[in-house]
Amino acid sequence: MFNCQELLGLSDGGYRDFLRGVRACVLTNLLLLLSFAVIIQAVIVLLEPLLSGAPLNIRQLWLLFGVGAAVVMLYFFAYQNEYRQTYTVSYSESEKIRLEVAEHIRRLPLSFFNNKDLSELTTNIMADCTTIEHVMSHVLPGLCADIIAAGLACGALAFYDWRMALALFAALPLALGLILGGRQIQAKFGERHVQAKLRVSDQVQEYLDGIKVVKAFGLSGEKSRALETALRSMMFEAIKFEGITGTAVTLAMMILQVGLGLVTLVGVLLLLGGSLDIIKLLTFIIISARIYSPLIVVFTLLPELFYFLISTRRMQALRREPLLGGAEDIVLPDYNIELRNVSFAYNNKDVLKNISLKIPQNSVTALVGPSGGGKTTVARLIARFWDVRSGEILIGGQNICGIDPERLLHYMSFVFQDVVLFNDTVMNNIRIGKQDASDAQVCAAAKMARCDEFSQRLPQGYATIIGENGCTLSGGERQRISIARALLKDAPIVLLDEATASLDPENETQIQAALAELVKGRTVIVIAHRLRTVLAADKIAVLDNGRLVEEGSALDLPRDGLFARLYKLQQESLGWSIKR
């Protein structure tokens, strides 16, 4: 028996609301059965004069009419309560689940994202949460209520006449066995259908992300084979799954309907044998038409529930992904950074090998070397985006593995080569650096980052919406907004990852001036390929193939070493030009 609270990821309050929803559905179903019982009793009163010759009991009919009207009123209020307890509550709980999942994803280590596609995580937050919402509102409460109502009806009918009740429900075990027995087959095809949908989501995401390349090389329309193949695969898997599920449900309902014939056959035989009166026979025939309604709903919802369990289990697997732990009350006494015999690997591929490096407080340390040498990995390990495989990283004498990542990042600012901006105002994009900053503080940081000039030229100034990922701004302007964020945050440790790469000379000059403001009095780690930009760094650490091969200021490094060789090659490349 599965645990609904754990399976659906409900909070304690959400689970209590879910149980209230089930109780509300049960009450509605029981009132519906009660109204049907009143109708049956009215039919019996009307038939009594025909069968026994007694006069029609008008008083009893009026009494039944009054009871029926009261039941209808109660049903109306019960249905309103059911709606509130199921749909309204489930939508509210679904919102909480989405926010909790999004927060959980935000706190996961970057190693998790190496094995996950953006489209799959989007599906987790949107489609899977919608599935849980649907299960909570449309499936489980009604399913539980119908099972309870059918069970109570079965018990009541058995008390009324066990032989007729047995005939009525004789086909139920066989029909139910068909649904449950084919569960594994349904789960297999359901899993294939879910995977096909994920592949489509992935291909659509890739198609949209690469739309410039698609247009440039004529890969749109029918020429986009990967997307077309994924869509066709999803269509075929959907047909297979619906065919398997639909066939099982249809056969089960056909078997269940055999009970109607059995009730009539057994009832007539008992009537002829003198052990059953006509009133009971008519009662069971009338009841048979109604009692199967909740059972048919159960048979329809069970395969739907099995399919939904695939998505809910994927959601639970995501929520069980371990977070990086650590203390939240750590206060760093200083900002000296030290790597001690640090090794690290991506998917069992060694990236860093026994690196030891000291980064003094209030200094600029540059990480340089060939591509793939481990520069970015070192910076990200310092920020604890991953945990080291062996060795340790200390900041202020504290091993960062014992510091909560959220607390650790409080001490750091980042400026990346690839800037991420939001479809919001310039003001709000800068304010990400410090959510509670005043407008005056944001504007001061913007001026230091050389953002003020271009911001004032925008139609609404700092209140201008800059489009998705800042699409209305140039690369240099977007980079300066990123620097303004870091300035506003005012963290003591700054990590710069290729902050001036791929910029024109004018923008590079502006950004270098902004960076000069940013690095004042801070512990700075710079990742750079343009070696001339780090000649004035206090320390240069040269990484090659995951090892620290050189260390020191530009004047201290060996003249025949790797840094000197790379610097010479870059200087020679400055004279390159196109020749006809």
Protein backbone atom coordinates (compact mmCIF):
# COMPACT_ATOMS: atom_id res chain seq x y z
CA MET A 1 0.00 0.00 0.00
CA PHE A 2 1.51 3.29 -1.02
CA ASN A 3 1.85 6.30 1.25
CA CYS A 4 -0.19 9.09 -0.36
CA GLN A 5 1.53 11.85 1.58
CA GLU A 6 5.01 10.67 0.61
CA LEU A 7 4.05 9.78 -2.95
CA LEU A 8 2.42 13.12 -3.69
CA GLY A 9 4.96 15.07 -1.65
CA LEU A 10 2.26 16.74 0.42
CA SER A 11 2.93 18.82 3.49
CA ASP A 12 1.24 17.77 6.73
CA GLY A 13 -1.39 20.46 6.20
CA GLY A 14 -1.82 19.44 2.56
CA TYR A 15 -2.29 15.80 3.56
CA ARG A 16 -4.92 16.75 6.12
CA ASP A 17 -6.69 18.79 3.44
CA PHE A 18 -6.48 15.80 1.09
CA LEU A 19 -8.15 13.54 3.68
CA ARG A 20 -10.85 16.16 4.19
CA GLY A 21 -11.38 16.12 0.42
CA VAL A 22 -11.80 12.33 0.47
CA ARG A 23 -14.34 12.60 3.31
CA ALA A 24 -16.22 15.30 1.38
CA CYS A 25 -16.37 13.08 -1.72
CA VAL A 26 -17.60 10.12 0.38
CA LEU A 27 -20.34 12.28 1.89
CA THR A 28 -21.45 13.46 -1.57
CA ASN A 29 -21.58 9.87 -2.87
CA LEU A 30 -23.52 8.64 0.16
CA LEU A 31 -26.08 11.43 -0.26
CA LEU A 32 -26.40 10.46 -3.91
CA LEU A 33 -27.02 6.84 -2.90
CA LEU A 34 -29.51 8.02 -0.27
CA SER A 35 -31.44 10.00 -2.87
CA PHE A 36 -31.53 6.88 -5.04
CA ALA A 37 -32.79 4.86 -2.07
CA VAL A 38 -35.60 7.40 -1.60
CA ILE A 39 -36.56 6.99 -5.26
CA ILE A 40 -36.60 3.21 -4.91
CA GLN A 41 -38.81 3.45 -1.81
CA ALA A 42 -41.19 5.76 -3.69
CA VAL A 43 -41.39 3.20 -6.53
CA ILE A 44 -42.18 0.47 -3.99
CA VAL A 45 -44.99 2.60 -2.49
CA LEU A 46 -46.40 3.19 -5.98
CA LEU A 47 -46.23 -0.51 -6.86
CA GLU A 48 -47.79 -1.70 -3.59
CA PRO A 49 -51.42 -1.06 -4.71
CA LEU A 50 -50.81 -3.00 -7.93
CA LEU A 51 -49.28 -5.99 -6.16
CA SER A 52 -51.39 -6.26 -3.02
CA GLY A 53 -54.54 -4.27 -3.83
CA ALA A 54 -53.98 -1.96 -0.86
CA PRO A 55 -54.82 1.75 -1.27
CA LEU A 56 -52.08 4.15 -2.30
CA ASN A 57 -50.35 5.65 0.75
CA ILE A 58 -50.38 9.35 -0.18
CA ARG A 59 -49.06 10.40 3.24
CA GLN A 60 -45.97 8.19 2.83
CA LEU A 61 -45.37 9.58 -0.69
CA TRP A 62 -45.41 13.16 0.64
CA LEU A 63 -43.04 12.13 3.41
CA LEU A 64 -40.67 10.60 0.84
CA PHE A 65 -40.96 13.74 -1.25
CA GLY A 66 -39.94 15.85 1.77
CA VAL A 67 -37.04 13.54 2.56
CA GLY A 68 -35.98 13.63 -1.09
CA ALA A 69 -36.07 17.43 -1.17
CA ALA A 70 -33.98 17.57 2.02
CA VAL A 71 -31.47 15.12 0.56
CA VAL A 72 -31.21 17.23 -2.61
CA MET A 73 -30.49 20.34 -0.55
CA LEU A 74 -27.89 18.49 1.51
CA TYR A 75 -26.34 17.15 -1.69
CA PHE A 76 -26.07 20.69 -3.08
CA PHE A 77 -24.19 21.93 0.00
CA ALA A 78 -22.10 18.75 0.17
CA TYR A 79 -21.06 19.18 -3.47
CA GLN A 80 -20.01 22.78 -2.82
CA ASN A 81 -17.96 21.59 0.14
CA GLU A 82 -16.44 18.82 -2.01
CA TYR A 83 -15.36 21.38 -4.60
CA ARG A 84 -13.68 23.53 -1.96
CA GLN A 85 -12.00 20.57 -0.26
CA THR A 86 -10.70 18.98 -3.47
CA TYR A 87 -10.18 21.45 -6.32
CA THR A 88 -9.46 24.68 -4.45
CA VAL A 89 -7.21 22.99 -1.87
CA SER A 90 -5.37 20.91 -4.49
CA TYR A 91 -4.56 23.97 -6.60
CA SER A 92 -3.21 25.78 -3.54
CA GLU A 93 -1.10 22.76 -2.52
CA SER A 94 0.15 22.40 -6.10
CA GLU A 95 1.47 25.96 -5.93
CA LYS A 96 3.35 25.11 -2.74
CA ILE A 97 4.81 21.96 -4.31
CA ARG A 98 6.05 23.92 -7.35
CA LEU A 99 7.74 26.50 -5.15
CA GLU A 100 9.30 23.81 -2.94
CA VAL A 101 10.59 21.87 -5.97
CA ALA A 102 11.98 25.04 -7.55
CA GLU A 103 13.73 25.91 -4.27
CA HIS A 104 15.07 22.36 -3.99
CA ILE A 105 16.44 22.52 -7.54
CA ARG A 106 18.07 25.87 -6.78
CA ARG A 107 19.98 24.35 -3.87
CA LEU A 108 21.17 21.22 -5.67
CA PRO A 109 24.89 20.94 -6.49
CA LEU A 110 25.98 21.57 -10.08
CA SER A 111 26.98 17.92 -10.40
CA PHE A 112 23.26 17.14 -10.53
CA PHE A 113 22.73 19.38 -13.55
CA ASN A 114 25.50 17.66 -15.50
CA ASN A 115 23.21 14.64 -15.81
CA LYS A 116 19.92 16.48 -16.34
CA ASP A 117 18.48 18.37 -19.29
CA LEU A 118 16.80 21.73 -18.81
CA SER A 119 13.68 20.38 -20.52
CA GLU A 120 13.42 17.50 -18.02
CA LEU A 121 13.64 19.86 -15.04
CA THR A 122 11.05 22.13 -16.67
CA THR A 123 8.81 19.07 -17.04
CA ASN A 124 9.34 18.27 -13.33
CA ILE A 125 8.22 21.73 -12.24
CA MET A 126 5.35 22.18 -14.69
CA ALA A 127 3.98 18.90 -16.12
CA ASP A 128 4.71 16.64 -13.14
CA CYS A 129 3.29 19.16 -10.67
CA THR A 130 0.21 19.45 -12.89
CA THR A 131 -0.06 15.66 -12.75
CA ILE A 132 0.02 15.70 -8.96
CA GLU A 133 -2.54 18.49 -8.95
CA HIS A 134 -4.81 16.39 -11.19
CA VAL A 135 -4.35 13.29 -9.02
CA MET A 136 -5.22 15.28 -5.90
CA SER A 137 -8.30 16.94 -7.39
CA HIS A 138 -9.74 14.54 -9.97
CA VAL A 139 -8.44 11.03 -9.25
CA LEU A 140 -7.64 9.96 -5.69
CA PRO A 141 -10.49 11.65 -3.74
CA GLY A 142 -13.11 10.37 -6.19
CA LEU A 143 -11.46 6.96 -6.41
CA CYS A 144 -11.39 6.53 -2.64
CA ALA A 145 -14.95 7.82 -2.31
CA ASP A 146 -16.29 5.49 -5.02
CA ILE A 147 -14.57 2.46 -3.48
CA ILE A 148 -16.02 3.30 -0.05
CA ALA A 149 -19.48 4.00 -1.48
CA ALA A 150 -19.46 0.76 -3.51
CA GLY A 151 -18.33 -1.20 -0.45
CA LEU A 152 -21.09 0.25 1.73
CA ALA A 153 -23.67 -0.40 -0.97
CA CYS A 154 -22.46 -3.96 -1.33
CA GLY A 155 -22.79 -4.49 2.44
CA ALA A 156 -26.26 -2.99 2.55
CA LEU A 157 -27.46 -5.09 -0.38
CA ALA A 158 -25.97 -8.24 1.17
CA PHE A 159 -27.98 -7.53 4.34
CA TYR A 160 -31.08 -7.02 2.19
CA ASP A 161 -30.59 -10.29 0.24
CA TRP A 162 -27.15 -11.92 0.10
CA ARG A 163 -28.02 -14.14 -2.86
CA MET A 164 -28.96 -11.24 -5.12
CA ALA A 165 -25.97 -9.21 -3.88
CA LEU A 166 -23.67 -12.11 -4.75
CA ALA A 167 -25.15 -12.28 -8.24
CA LEU A 168 -24.77 -8.51 -8.61
CA PHE A 169 -21.07 -8.49 -7.70
CA ALA A 170 -20.06 -11.94 -9.00
CA ALA A 171 -18.26 -10.49 -12.03
CA LEU A 172 -16.42 -7.81 -9.98
CA PRO A 173 -13.35 -9.89 -8.96
CA LEU A 174 -12.75 -10.99 -12.56
CA ALA A 175 -13.06 -7.44 -13.92
CA LEU A 176 -10.84 -6.03 -11.19
CA GLY A 177 -8.30 -8.82 -11.73
CA LEU A 178 -8.10 -7.89 -15.42
CA ILE A 179 -7.22 -4.28 -14.56
CA LEU A 180 -4.73 -5.13 -11.81
CA GLY A 181 -3.26 -8.09 -13.67
CA GLY A 182 -2.35 -5.91 -16.64
CA ARG A 183 -0.78 -3.25 -14.46
CA GLN A 184 2.79 -4.20 -15.36
CA ILE A 185 2.05 -4.04 -19.08
CA GLN A 186 0.31 -0.68 -18.66
CA ALA A 187 3.25 0.62 -16.59
CA LYS A 188 5.72 -0.50 -19.29
CA PHE A 189 3.89 1.31 -22.09
CA GLY A 190 3.17 4.27 -19.81
CA GLU A 191 6.89 4.66 -19.04
CA ARG A 192 7.69 4.56 -22.75
CA HIS A 193 5.07 7.23 -23.40
CA VAL A 194 6.49 9.49 -20.65
CA GLN A 195 10.03 9.05 -22.03
CA ALA A 196 8.78 9.90 -25.52
CA LYS A 197 7.22 13.12 -24.19
CA LEU A 198 10.50 14.01 -22.47
CA ARG A 199 12.39 13.49 -25.74
CA VAL A 200 9.96 15.79 -27.53
CA SER A 201 10.36 18.43 -24.82
CA ASP A 202 14.14 18.14 -25.13
CA GLN A 203 14.06 18.44 -28.93
CA VAL A 204 11.71 21.44 -28.83
CA GLN A 205 14.00 23.16 -26.30
CA GLU A 206 17.03 22.43 -28.48
CA TYR A 207 15.22 23.60 -31.61
CA LEU A 208 14.24 26.93 -30.02
CA ASP A 209 17.65 27.49 -28.42
CA GLY A 210 19.36 26.91 -31.75
CA ILE A 211 16.87 28.77 -33.92
CA LYS A 212 19.60 31.02 -35.36
CA VAL A 213 21.59 28.02 -36.54
CA VAL A 214 18.39 26.35 -37.78
CA LYS A 215 17.59 29.37 -39.95
CA ALA A 216 21.17 29.95 -41.11
CA PHE A 217 21.58 26.38 -42.38
CA GLY A 218 18.06 25.77 -43.62
CA LEU A 219 17.16 23.16 -41.00
CA SER A 220 13.60 24.35 -40.39
CA GLY A 221 10.37 22.56 -41.25
CA GLU A 222 10.71 19.00 -42.53
CA LYS A 223 14.49 19.26 -42.46
CA SER A 224 14.47 19.24 -38.67
CA ARG A 225 14.63 15.43 -38.56
CA ALA A 226 15.36 15.03 -34.85
CA LEU A 227 12.27 16.99 -33.81
CA GLU A 228 10.09 15.26 -36.40
CA THR A 229 11.32 11.83 -35.29
CA ALA A 230 10.64 12.64 -31.62
CA LEU A 231 7.10 13.85 -32.41
CA ARG A 232 6.33 10.74 -34.45
CA SER A 233 7.70 8.51 -31.69
CA MET A 234 5.49 10.24 -29.11
CA MET A 235 2.44 9.80 -31.36
CA PHE A 236 3.05 6.06 -31.81
CA GLU A 237 3.76 5.53 -28.11
CA ALA A 238 0.56 7.41 -27.22
CA ILE A 239 -1.47 5.22 -29.59
CA LYS A 240 0.06 2.04 -28.13
CA PHE A 241 -0.50 3.14 -24.55
CA GLU A 242 -4.07 4.30 -25.13
CA GLY A 243 -4.79 1.09 -27.04
CA ILE A 244 -3.52 -1.16 -24.24
CA THR A 245 -5.20 0.83 -21.46
CA GLY A 246 -8.45 1.38 -23.34
CA THR A 247 -8.75 -2.30 -24.23
CA ALA A 248 -8.22 -3.39 -20.62
CA VAL A 249 -10.77 -0.90 -19.26
CA THR A 250 -13.35 -1.75 -21.94
CA LEU A 251 -13.04 -5.50 -21.34
CA ALA A 252 -13.29 -4.99 -17.58
CA MET A 253 -16.46 -2.94 -17.93
CA MET A 254 -17.96 -5.51 -20.31
CA ILE A 255 -17.28 -8.25 -17.77
CA LEU A 256 -18.75 -6.09 -15.00
CA GLN A 257 -21.97 -5.58 -16.97
CA VAL A 258 -22.50 -9.34 -16.90
CA GLY A 259 -23.71 -8.76 -13.35
CA LEU A 260 -26.85 -7.09 -14.71
CA GLY A 261 -27.81 -10.26 -16.54
CA LEU A 262 -26.95 -12.43 -13.53
CA VAL A 263 -29.15 -10.33 -11.25
CA THR A 264 -32.11 -10.74 -13.59
CA LEU A 265 -31.48 -14.47 -14.13
CA VAL A 266 -30.96 -15.31 -10.45
CA GLY A 267 -33.84 -13.08 -9.43
CA VAL A 268 -36.29 -14.76 -11.80
CA LEU A 269 -35.18 -18.24 -10.66
CA LEU A 270 -35.60 -17.27 -7.01
CA LEU A 271 -38.97 -15.66 -7.77
CA LEU A 272 -40.20 -18.81 -9.49
CA GLY A 273 -38.89 -20.85 -6.56
CA GLY A 274 -40.93 -18.73 -4.17
CA SER A 275 -37.94 -17.54 -2.11
CA LEU A 276 -37.96 -13.97 -3.44
CA ASP A 277 -40.80 -11.51 -3.77
CA ILE A 278 -41.34 -9.23 -6.74
CA ILE A 279 -40.53 -6.08 -4.75
CA LYS A 280 -37.00 -7.26 -3.95
CA LEU A 281 -36.50 -8.35 -7.55
CA LEU A 282 -37.53 -4.94 -8.92
CA THR A 283 -35.41 -3.22 -6.25
CA PHE A 284 -32.27 -5.09 -7.28
CA ILE A 285 -32.93 -4.53 -11.00
CA ILE A 286 -33.29 -0.79 -10.41
CA ILE A 287 -30.27 -0.68 -8.09
CA SER A 288 -28.12 -2.57 -10.61
CA ALA A 289 -28.38 0.32 -13.05
CA ARG A 290 -27.05 2.75 -10.45
CA ILE A 291 -24.61 0.71 -8.39
CA TYR A 292 -22.28 0.13 -11.32
CA SER A 293 -21.70 3.85 -11.89
CA PRO A 294 -19.10 4.27 -9.09
CA LEU A 295 -17.52 0.93 -10.03
CA ILE A 296 -17.13 2.00 -13.65
CA VAL A 297 -15.53 5.24 -12.44
CA VAL A 298 -13.12 3.19 -10.31
CA PHE A 299 -12.15 1.01 -13.29
CA THR A 300 -11.61 4.13 -15.40
CA LEU A 301 -9.49 5.89 -12.78
CA LEU A 302 -7.26 2.96 -11.80
CA PRO A 303 -5.27 2.85 -15.08
CA GLU A 304 -5.08 6.65 -14.97
CA LEU A 305 -3.65 6.41 -11.45
CA PHE A 306 -1.06 3.83 -12.56
CA TYR A 307 0.05 6.19 -15.33
CA PHE A 308 0.23 9.16 -12.98
CA LEU A 309 2.40 7.17 -10.57
CA ILE A 310 5.18 7.25 -13.18
CA SER A 311 5.34 11.05 -13.07
CA THR A 312 4.88 11.29 -9.31
CA ARG A 313 7.71 8.82 -8.72
CA ARG A 314 9.98 10.89 -10.96
CA MET A 315 9.03 13.93 -8.91
CA GLN A 316 9.82 12.10 -5.69
CA ALA A 317 13.18 10.99 -7.08
CA LEU A 318 13.99 14.64 -7.78
CA ARG A 319 12.96 15.73 -4.29
CA ARG A 320 15.15 13.03 -2.76
CA GLU A 321 18.27 14.32 -4.51
CA PRO A 322 20.67 15.19 -1.64
CA LEU A 323 21.55 18.81 -0.96
CA LEU A 324 24.98 20.04 0.08
CA GLY A 325 24.89 20.40 3.87
CA GLY A 326 26.76 22.62 6.30
CA ALA A 327 26.40 25.06 9.16
CA GLU A 328 24.44 28.24 8.54
CA ASP A 329 25.87 30.29 11.43
CA ILE A 330 29.51 30.37 10.29
CA VAL A 331 31.24 33.77 10.44
CA LEU A 332 34.52 33.90 8.51
CA PRO A 333 37.27 35.75 10.41
CA ASP A 334 39.18 36.61 7.22
CA TYR A 335 39.11 35.83 3.51
CA ASN A 336 42.36 34.01 2.91
CA ILE A 337 41.67 31.06 0.60
CA GLU A 338 43.73 27.88 0.56
CA LEU A 339 43.49 24.71 -1.52
CA ARG A 340 45.19 21.73 0.12
CA ASN A 341 45.90 18.69 -2.06
CA VAL A 342 42.62 19.14 -3.93
CA SER A 343 41.57 16.53 -6.50
CA PHE A 344 38.31 16.46 -8.45
CA ALA A 345 36.74 14.43 -11.26
CA TYR A 346 33.73 14.78 -13.57
CA ASN A 347 32.09 11.39 -14.09
CA ASN A 348 35.28 9.55 -13.04
CA LYS A 349 37.41 11.68 -15.38
CA ASP A 350 40.16 13.45 -13.42
CA VAL A 351 40.08 17.22 -13.86
CA LEU A 352 42.20 18.45 -10.90
CA LYS A 353 45.09 16.43 -9.50
CA ASN A 354 46.48 17.16 -6.05
CA ILE A 355 46.46 20.97 -6.30
CA SER A 356 47.71 23.13 -3.43
CA LEU A 357 47.35 26.90 -3.78
CA LYS A 358 47.13 29.89 -1.43
CA ILE A 359 45.08 32.96 -2.41
CA PRO A 360 45.84 35.82 0.01
CA GLN A 361 43.16 38.18 1.26
CA ASN A 362 42.83 41.57 -0.51
CA SER A 363 44.86 40.40 -3.50
CA VAL A 364 44.24 39.58 -7.17
CA THR A 365 45.00 35.99 -8.16
CA ALA A 366 44.74 35.01 -11.81
CA LEU A 367 44.03 31.46 -12.96
CA VAL A 368 45.44 30.93 -16.46
CA GLY A 369 46.44 28.09 -18.74
CA PRO A 370 45.28 26.09 -21.77
CA SER A 371 41.60 25.27 -22.23
CA GLY A 372 40.55 22.27 -20.17
CA GLY A 373 43.30 22.85 -17.63
CA GLY A 374 40.90 23.21 -14.69
CA LYS A 375 40.70 26.99 -14.18
CA THR A 376 36.91 27.26 -14.04
CA THR A 377 36.70 24.09 -11.95
CA VAL A 378 38.96 25.61 -9.28
CA ALA A 379 36.77 28.73 -9.09
CA ARG A 380 33.59 26.70 -8.85
CA LEU A 381 35.01 24.43 -6.18
CA ILE A 382 35.91 27.53 -4.13
CA ALA A 383 32.26 28.63 -4.46
CA ARG A 384 31.24 25.06 -3.48
CA PHE A 385 29.21 24.46 -6.60
CA TRP A 386 30.69 20.98 -6.19
CA ASP A 387 32.49 19.27 -3.32
CA VAL A 388 36.09 18.13 -3.79
CA ARG A 389 36.79 14.42 -4.23
CA SER A 390 39.82 14.59 -1.94
CA GLY A 391 41.73 17.31 -0.10
CA GLU A 392 40.11 20.42 1.32
CA ILE A 393 39.44 24.08 0.57
CA LEU A 394 39.69 26.57 3.42
CA ILE A 395 38.40 30.15 3.64
CA GLY A 396 39.37 32.01 6.76
CA GLY A 397 40.68 28.72 8.14
CA GLN A 398 37.24 27.06 7.78
CA ASN A 399 36.74 24.00 5.59
CA ILE A 400 34.02 25.07 3.17
CA CYS A 401 32.49 21.55 3.22
CA GLY A 402 31.24 22.45 6.71
CA ILE A 403 29.61 25.70 5.56
CA ASP A 404 26.08 25.82 4.14
CA PRO A 405 26.33 26.78 0.44
CA GLU A 406 23.83 29.61 0.87
CA ARG A 407 25.91 31.04 3.70
CA LEU A 408 29.16 30.62 1.76
CA LEU A 409 27.80 32.42 -1.31
CA HIS A 410 26.87 35.33 0.96
CA TYR A 411 30.59 36.14 0.96
CA MET A 412 31.01 35.96 -2.84
CA SER A 413 30.15 37.91 -5.98
CA PHE A 414 30.42 36.57 -9.53
CA VAL A 415 30.92 38.10 -12.95
CA PHE A 416 30.70 35.51 -15.70
CA GLN A 417 31.41 35.77 -19.41
CA ASP A 418 27.88 34.55 -20.19
CA VAL A 419 25.59 37.01 -18.43
CA VAL A 420 22.05 35.94 -17.50
CA LEU A 421 19.50 38.76 -17.36
CA PHE A 422 15.77 38.61 -16.75
CA ASN A 423 12.87 40.08 -18.68
CA ASP A 424 12.55 42.92 -16.21
CA THR A 425 13.74 46.50 -15.71
CA VAL A 426 17.36 47.56 -15.57
CA MET A 427 16.77 48.55 -11.95
CA ASN A 428 15.44 45.14 -10.93
CA ASN A 429 18.14 43.25 -12.82
CA ILE A 430 20.82 45.13 -10.88
CA ARG A 431 18.89 44.76 -7.61
CA ILE A 432 19.32 40.97 -7.84
CA GLY A 433 22.69 41.63 -6.22
CA LYS A 434 20.92 42.86 -3.09
CA GLN A 435 17.15 42.44 -2.90
CA ASP A 436 16.56 45.05 -0.19
CA ALA A 437 18.71 47.78 -1.81
CA SER A 438 17.16 51.21 -2.26
CA ASP A 439 16.88 52.89 -5.65
CA ALA A 440 19.67 55.26 -4.66
CA GLN A 441 22.00 52.34 -3.85
CA VAL A 442 21.17 50.64 -7.16
CA CYS A 443 21.87 53.85 -9.10
CA ALA A 444 25.18 54.34 -7.24
CA ALA A 445 26.29 50.81 -8.17
CA ALA A 446 25.16 51.38 -11.76
CA LYS A 447 27.27 54.54 -12.02
CA MET A 448 30.35 52.76 -10.66
CA ALA A 449 29.79 49.98 -13.23
CA ARG A 450 29.42 52.53 -16.07
CA CYS A 451 25.75 51.57 -16.59
CA ASP A 452 24.32 55.04 -16.01
CA GLU A 453 25.07 56.44 -19.45
CA PHE A 454 23.31 53.78 -21.54
CA SER A 455 20.51 53.36 -18.99
CA GLN A 456 19.58 57.02 -19.23
CA ARG A 457 19.28 56.70 -23.02
CA LEU A 458 16.64 53.97 -22.72
CA PRO A 459 12.96 55.00 -23.20
CA GLN A 460 12.06 54.75 -19.49
CA GLY A 461 15.58 54.93 -18.12
CA TYR A 462 16.21 52.45 -15.30
CA ALA A 463 12.53 51.41 -15.48
CA THR A 464 12.90 50.09 -19.05
CA ILE A 465 12.10 46.41 -19.63
CA ILE A 466 15.19 44.95 -21.34
CA GLY A 467 13.62 41.80 -22.84
CA GLU A 468 14.41 38.12 -22.41
CA ASN A 469 18.03 37.75 -21.27
CA GLY A 470 18.58 41.45 -22.01
CA CYS A 471 18.06 41.01 -25.77
CA THR A 472 17.67 44.80 -26.29
CA LEU A 473 21.16 45.51 -24.90
CA SER A 474 24.61 44.99 -26.36
CA GLY A 475 27.05 42.45 -24.95
CA GLY A 476 29.08 45.15 -23.19
CA GLU A 477 25.98 46.72 -21.64
CA ARG A 478 24.81 43.36 -20.35
CA GLN A 479 28.24 42.70 -18.87
CA ARG A 480 28.23 46.03 -17.07
CA ILE A 481 24.86 45.22 -15.50
CA SER A 482 26.45 42.02 -14.20
CA ILE A 483 29.29 44.04 -12.67
CA ALA A 484 26.77 46.45 -11.13
CA ARG A 485 25.11 43.48 -9.43
CA ALA A 486 28.44 42.43 -7.93
CA LEU A 487 29.17 45.99 -6.79
CA LEU A 488 25.75 46.25 -5.15
CA LYS A 489 26.24 42.96 -3.32
CA ASP A 490 29.56 44.26 -1.95
CA ALA A 491 30.89 40.77 -1.14
CA PRO A 492 34.48 40.44 0.11
CA ILE A 493 35.38 37.69 -2.42
CA VAL A 494 34.97 38.27 -6.17
CA LEU A 495 35.24 35.63 -8.90
CA LEU A 496 35.68 36.90 -12.47
CA ASP A 497 35.32 34.31 -15.23
CA GLU A 498 36.43 35.72 -18.62
CA ALA A 499 34.60 38.97 -17.83
CA THR A 500 36.22 40.89 -20.72
CA ALA A 501 36.31 38.14 -23.34
CA SER A 502 34.69 38.64 -26.76
CA LEU A 503 34.22 42.40 -26.36
CA ASP A 504 35.10 45.24 -28.69
CA PRO A 505 37.84 47.66 -27.54
CA GLU A 506 35.43 50.42 -26.48
CA ASN A 507 33.32 48.09 -24.32
CA GLU A 508 36.43 46.40 -22.96
CA THR A 509 37.77 49.76 -21.79
CA GLN A 510 34.47 50.58 -20.08
CA ILE A 511 34.30 47.18 -18.39
CA GLN A 512 37.91 47.29 -17.24
CA ALA A 513 37.15 50.63 -15.58
CA ALA A 514 34.10 49.08 -13.89
CA LEU A 515 36.13 46.06 -12.78
CA ALA A 516 38.75 48.36 -11.29
CA GLU A 517 36.02 49.68 -8.96
CA LEU A 518 34.84 46.16 -8.17
CA VAL A 519 38.19 44.67 -7.09
CA LYS A 520 39.19 47.43 -4.69
CA GLY A 521 39.90 45.99 -1.22
CA ARG A 522 38.57 42.51 -2.09
CA THR A 523 39.94 39.02 -2.52
CA VAL A 524 39.75 38.56 -6.28
CA ILE A 525 40.07 35.41 -8.39
CA VAL A 526 40.33 36.05 -12.12
CA ILE A 527 40.02 33.48 -14.90
CA ALA A 528 41.49 34.89 -18.10
CA HIS A 529 42.65 33.80 -21.53
CA ARG A 530 43.90 37.28 -22.48
CA LEU A 531 47.11 37.05 -20.52
CA ARG A 532 48.03 40.73 -20.97
CA THR A 533 45.02 41.64 -18.78
CA VAL A 534 46.47 39.84 -15.73
CA LEU A 535 50.12 40.91 -15.91
CA ALA A 536 49.56 43.21 -12.92
CA ALA A 537 47.93 40.47 -10.78
CA ASP A 538 49.51 39.83 -7.37
CA LYS A 539 49.72 36.13 -8.18
CA ILE A 540 49.34 34.09 -11.37
CA ALA A 541 48.55 30.37 -11.03
CA VAL A 542 49.19 28.43 -14.25
CA LEU A 543 47.13 25.24 -14.62
CA ASP A 544 47.79 22.58 -17.22
CA ASN A 545 46.00 19.25 -17.50
CA GLY A 546 44.60 19.55 -13.98
CA ARG A 547 47.92 20.34 -12.30
CA LEU A 548 49.42 23.54 -10.91
CA VAL A 549 52.61 23.92 -12.96
CA GLU A 550 53.64 27.53 -12.21
CA GLU A 551 52.87 30.08 -9.50
CA GLY A 552 53.98 33.64 -8.76
CA SER A 553 53.79 37.19 -10.11
CA ALA A 554 54.39 37.86 -13.82
CA LEU A 555 58.01 38.86 -13.05
CA ASP A 556 58.63 35.75 -10.92
CA LEU A 557 57.38 33.19 -13.44
CA PRO A 558 60.08 31.37 -15.47
CA ARG A 559 60.90 32.96 -18.81
CA ASP A 560 60.86 29.59 -20.56
CA GLY A 561 57.72 28.30 -18.78
CA LEU A 562 54.16 27.67 -19.97
CA PHE A 563 52.90 31.18 -19.13
CA ALA A 564 55.72 32.80 -21.11
CA ARG A 565 55.06 30.52 -24.06
CA LEU A 566 51.31 31.20 -24.07
CA TYR A 567 51.90 34.94 -23.71
CA LYS A 568 54.32 34.91 -26.66
CA LEU A 569 51.81 33.05 -28.85
CA GLN A 570 49.09 35.58 -28.01
CA GLN A 571 51.35 38.51 -28.82
CA GLU A 572 52.22 36.95 -32.18
CA SER A 573 48.53 36.40 -32.94
CA LEU A 574 47.89 40.15 -32.62
CA GLY A 575 49.58 40.62 -35.99
CA TRP A 576 47.23 38.20 -37.75
CA SER A 577 45.15 39.57 -40.63
CA ILE A 578 43.18 38.30 -43.60
CA LYS A 579 45.29 38.00 -46.74
CA ARG A 580 43.98 37.70 -50.28
